[in-house]
Amino acid sequence: MKAFFEGIAYLFEEILFAPMNWMAELELSNWWTANIINWIFLVICCYATWYWTKELMIFRAKGDDDQDTTAHSFLK
């Protein structure tokens, strides 16, 4: 049974977390490169927020947005 749990530990520590260990080592040499994933997610979130706001303005201009607090049956 001990070998089973050691196998699970090996799987997570040596295989599945290898990219994270590589990123941690990379951060010591170049912070910008190590955080490129964060920058990509930041750009995606900024774009999604801009798109959502644009769509909300389109619905408001058409008058299709329902601002009533009883718009859903569970709020009545």
N, C-alpha and C. Protein backbone atom coordinates (compact mmCIF):
# COMPACT_ATOMS: atom_id res chain seq x y z
N MET A 1 0.82 -1.19 0.00
CA MET A 1 0.00 0.00 0.00
C MET A 1 0.87 1.26 0.00
N LYS A 2 2.02 1.18 0.66
CA LYS A 2 2.92 2.33 0.71
C LYS A 2 3.42 2.68 -0.69
N ALA A 3 3.68 1.69 -1.51
CA ALA A 3 4.16 1.92 -2.87
C ALA A 3 3.09 2.63 -3.72
N PHE A 4 1.82 2.33 -3.46
CA PHE A 4 0.74 2.99 -4.19
C PHE A 4 0.75 4.49 -3.93
N PHE A 5 0.86 4.87 -2.67
CA PHE A 5 0.86 6.30 -2.33
C PHE A 5 2.15 6.98 -2.78
N GLU A 6 3.26 6.26 -2.75
CA GLU A 6 4.50 6.82 -3.27
C GLU A 6 4.41 7.02 -4.78
N GLY A 7 3.70 6.13 -5.46
CA GLY A 7 3.47 6.29 -6.90
C GLY A 7 2.63 7.53 -7.21
N ILE A 8 1.61 7.76 -6.39
CA ILE A 8 0.80 8.95 -6.56
C ILE A 8 1.63 10.20 -6.30
N ALA A 9 2.44 10.17 -5.27
CA ALA A 9 3.31 11.32 -4.96
C ALA A 9 4.28 11.57 -6.10
N TYR A 10 4.86 10.53 -6.66
CA TYR A 10 5.78 10.68 -7.78
C TYR A 10 5.06 11.28 -8.99
N LEU A 11 3.85 10.79 -9.26
CA LEU A 11 3.09 11.31 -10.39
C LEU A 11 2.88 12.82 -10.27
N PHE A 12 2.45 13.27 -9.11
CA PHE A 12 2.17 14.69 -8.95
C PHE A 12 3.44 15.53 -8.86
N GLU A 13 4.40 15.10 -8.08
CA GLU A 13 5.59 15.92 -7.84
C GLU A 13 6.54 15.96 -9.03
N GLU A 14 6.73 14.85 -9.70
CA GLU A 14 7.73 14.79 -10.76
C GLU A 14 7.17 14.96 -12.17
N ILE A 15 5.91 14.64 -12.37
CA ILE A 15 5.35 14.68 -13.73
C ILE A 15 4.37 15.83 -13.91
N LEU A 16 3.31 15.84 -13.09
CA LEU A 16 2.26 16.84 -13.29
C LEU A 16 2.68 18.25 -12.89
N PHE A 17 3.55 18.38 -11.89
CA PHE A 17 4.00 19.70 -11.46
C PHE A 17 5.30 20.13 -12.12
N ALA A 18 5.80 19.36 -13.07
CA ALA A 18 7.05 19.72 -13.75
C ALA A 18 6.95 21.09 -14.45
N PRO A 19 5.85 21.41 -15.14
CA PRO A 19 5.77 22.75 -15.75
C PRO A 19 5.81 23.88 -14.71
N MET A 20 5.20 23.65 -13.55
CA MET A 20 5.22 24.67 -12.50
C MET A 20 6.62 24.85 -11.94
N ASN A 21 7.33 23.75 -11.77
CA ASN A 21 8.72 23.85 -11.29
C ASN A 21 9.58 24.58 -12.31
N TRP A 22 9.34 24.32 -13.59
CA TRP A 22 10.09 25.01 -14.64
C TRP A 22 9.80 26.50 -14.62
N MET A 23 8.52 26.87 -14.42
CA MET A 23 8.16 28.29 -14.36
C MET A 23 8.78 28.96 -13.14
N ALA A 24 8.85 28.24 -12.02
CA ALA A 24 9.46 28.81 -10.82
C ALA A 24 10.95 29.07 -11.03
N GLU A 25 11.63 28.17 -11.72
CA GLU A 25 13.04 28.37 -12.03
C GLU A 25 13.23 29.50 -13.04
N LEU A 26 12.31 29.59 -14.00
CA LEU A 26 12.39 30.63 -15.02
C LEU A 26 12.20 32.01 -14.42
N GLU A 27 11.37 32.10 -13.38
CA GLU A 27 11.11 33.40 -12.76
C GLU A 27 12.37 34.02 -12.18
N LEU A 28 13.28 33.20 -11.75
CA LEU A 28 14.52 33.72 -11.19
C LEU A 28 15.39 34.39 -12.25
N SER A 29 15.24 33.98 -13.50
CA SER A 29 16.06 34.56 -14.56
C SER A 29 15.34 35.69 -15.31
N ASN A 30 14.03 35.53 -15.55
CA ASN A 30 13.30 36.56 -16.29
C ASN A 30 11.85 36.57 -15.83
N TRP A 31 11.47 37.61 -15.09
CA TRP A 31 10.14 37.71 -14.53
C TRP A 31 9.09 37.84 -15.63
N TRP A 32 9.34 38.62 -16.66
CA TRP A 32 8.37 38.86 -17.73
C TRP A 32 8.02 37.58 -18.47
N THR A 33 9.01 36.79 -18.78
CA THR A 33 8.77 35.54 -19.50
C THR A 33 8.00 34.55 -18.63
N ALA A 34 8.34 34.50 -17.36
CA ALA A 34 7.67 33.56 -16.46
C ALA A 34 6.20 33.91 -16.27
N ASN A 35 5.85 35.16 -16.41
CA ASN A 35 4.47 35.58 -16.20
C ASN A 35 3.71 35.84 -17.49
N ILE A 36 4.19 35.31 -18.59
CA ILE A 36 3.53 35.53 -19.87
C ILE A 36 2.11 34.95 -19.87
N ILE A 37 1.89 33.84 -19.17
CA ILE A 37 0.55 33.26 -19.10
C ILE A 37 -0.39 34.23 -18.40
N ASN A 38 0.07 34.86 -17.34
CA ASN A 38 -0.76 35.84 -16.64
C ASN A 38 -1.10 37.02 -17.55
N TRP A 39 -0.13 37.47 -18.33
CA TRP A 39 -0.39 38.58 -19.24
C TRP A 39 -1.40 38.20 -20.32
N ILE A 40 -1.31 36.97 -20.80
CA ILE A 40 -2.27 36.50 -21.81
C ILE A 40 -3.68 36.47 -21.22
N PHE A 41 -3.82 35.92 -20.01
CA PHE A 41 -5.13 35.90 -19.37
C PHE A 41 -5.64 37.31 -19.10
N LEU A 42 -4.78 38.22 -18.73
CA LEU A 42 -5.18 39.59 -18.49
C LEU A 42 -5.73 40.23 -19.76
N VAL A 43 -5.07 40.01 -20.89
CA VAL A 43 -5.53 40.55 -22.17
C VAL A 43 -6.88 39.93 -22.55
N ILE A 44 -7.04 38.62 -22.35
CA ILE A 44 -8.31 37.96 -22.67
C ILE A 44 -9.43 38.52 -21.80
N CYS A 45 -9.17 38.71 -20.51
CA CYS A 45 -10.21 39.25 -19.62
C CYS A 45 -10.56 40.69 -19.98
N CYS A 46 -9.57 41.49 -20.36
CA CYS A 46 -9.86 42.86 -20.77
C CYS A 46 -10.71 42.88 -22.03
N TYR A 47 -10.40 42.03 -22.98
CA TYR A 47 -11.20 41.94 -24.21
C TYR A 47 -12.62 41.48 -23.90
N ALA A 48 -12.77 40.48 -23.04
CA ALA A 48 -14.10 39.97 -22.71
C ALA A 48 -14.93 41.04 -22.01
N THR A 49 -14.32 41.81 -21.13
CA THR A 49 -15.04 42.89 -20.45
C THR A 49 -15.45 43.96 -21.44
N TRP A 50 -14.57 44.32 -22.35
CA TRP A 50 -14.91 45.31 -23.38
C TRP A 50 -16.05 44.80 -24.24
N TYR A 51 -16.00 43.55 -24.68
CA TYR A 51 -17.04 42.98 -25.54
C TYR A 51 -18.38 42.93 -24.81
N TRP A 52 -18.37 42.53 -23.55
CA TRP A 52 -19.59 42.45 -22.76
C TRP A 52 -20.21 43.84 -22.62
N THR A 53 -19.40 44.83 -22.33
CA THR A 53 -19.89 46.19 -22.19
C THR A 53 -20.48 46.69 -23.51
N LYS A 54 -19.81 46.38 -24.61
CA LYS A 54 -20.32 46.77 -25.93
C LYS A 54 -21.67 46.13 -26.20
N GLU A 55 -21.82 44.86 -25.89
CA GLU A 55 -23.10 44.18 -26.09
C GLU A 55 -24.19 44.76 -25.19
N LEU A 56 -23.86 45.11 -23.95
CA LEU A 56 -24.83 45.72 -23.06
C LEU A 56 -25.30 47.06 -23.62
N MET A 57 -24.40 47.83 -24.19
CA MET A 57 -24.78 49.12 -24.78
C MET A 57 -25.69 48.92 -25.99
N ILE A 58 -25.45 47.87 -26.77
CA ILE A 58 -26.30 47.58 -27.93
C ILE A 58 -27.71 47.22 -27.46
N PHE A 59 -27.83 46.37 -26.44
CA PHE A 59 -29.15 46.00 -25.93
C PHE A 59 -29.86 47.20 -25.32
N ARG A 60 -29.12 48.07 -24.64
CA ARG A 60 -29.74 49.25 -24.04
C ARG A 60 -30.23 50.19 -25.14
N ALA A 61 -29.49 50.33 -26.22
CA ALA A 61 -29.91 51.21 -27.32
C ALA A 61 -31.17 50.68 -27.99
N LYS A 62 -31.32 49.36 -28.09
CA LYS A 62 -32.52 48.76 -28.68
C LYS A 62 -33.70 48.79 -27.72
N GLY A 63 -33.43 48.91 -26.43
CA GLY A 63 -34.49 48.86 -25.43
C GLY A 63 -34.85 47.44 -25.04
N ASP A 64 -33.99 46.49 -25.33
CA ASP A 64 -34.26 45.09 -25.03
C ASP A 64 -33.87 44.68 -23.61
N ASP A 65 -33.12 45.50 -22.92
CA ASP A 65 -32.69 45.12 -21.58
C ASP A 65 -33.84 45.31 -20.60
N ASP A 66 -34.03 44.32 -19.74
CA ASP A 66 -35.12 44.35 -18.77
C ASP A 66 -34.52 44.69 -17.42
N GLN A 67 -34.75 45.89 -16.94
CA GLN A 67 -34.18 46.35 -15.67
C GLN A 67 -35.10 46.06 -14.49
N ASP A 68 -36.23 45.40 -14.73
CA ASP A 68 -37.18 45.11 -13.68
C ASP A 68 -36.62 44.06 -12.72
N THR A 69 -36.76 44.27 -11.42
CA THR A 69 -36.21 43.32 -10.46
C THR A 69 -37.02 42.02 -10.42
N THR A 70 -38.21 42.02 -11.01
CA THR A 70 -39.00 40.80 -11.06
C THR A 70 -38.88 40.12 -12.43
N ALA A 71 -37.77 40.33 -13.09
CA ALA A 71 -37.57 39.73 -14.40
C ALA A 71 -37.50 38.21 -14.32
N HIS A 72 -37.11 37.68 -13.16
CA HIS A 72 -37.04 36.24 -12.98
C HIS A 72 -38.13 35.82 -12.00
N SER A 73 -38.70 34.67 -12.25
CA SER A 73 -39.82 34.22 -11.43
C SER A 73 -39.40 33.98 -9.97
N PHE A 74 -38.16 33.62 -9.73
CA PHE A 74 -37.74 33.35 -8.37
C PHE A 74 -37.53 34.61 -7.55
N LEU A 75 -37.56 35.79 -8.16
CA LEU A 75 -37.41 37.05 -7.43
C LEU A 75 -38.74 37.63 -6.99
N LYS A 76 -39.85 37.04 -7.40
CA LYS A 76 -41.17 37.56 -7.05
C LYS A 76 -41.54 37.25 -5.63
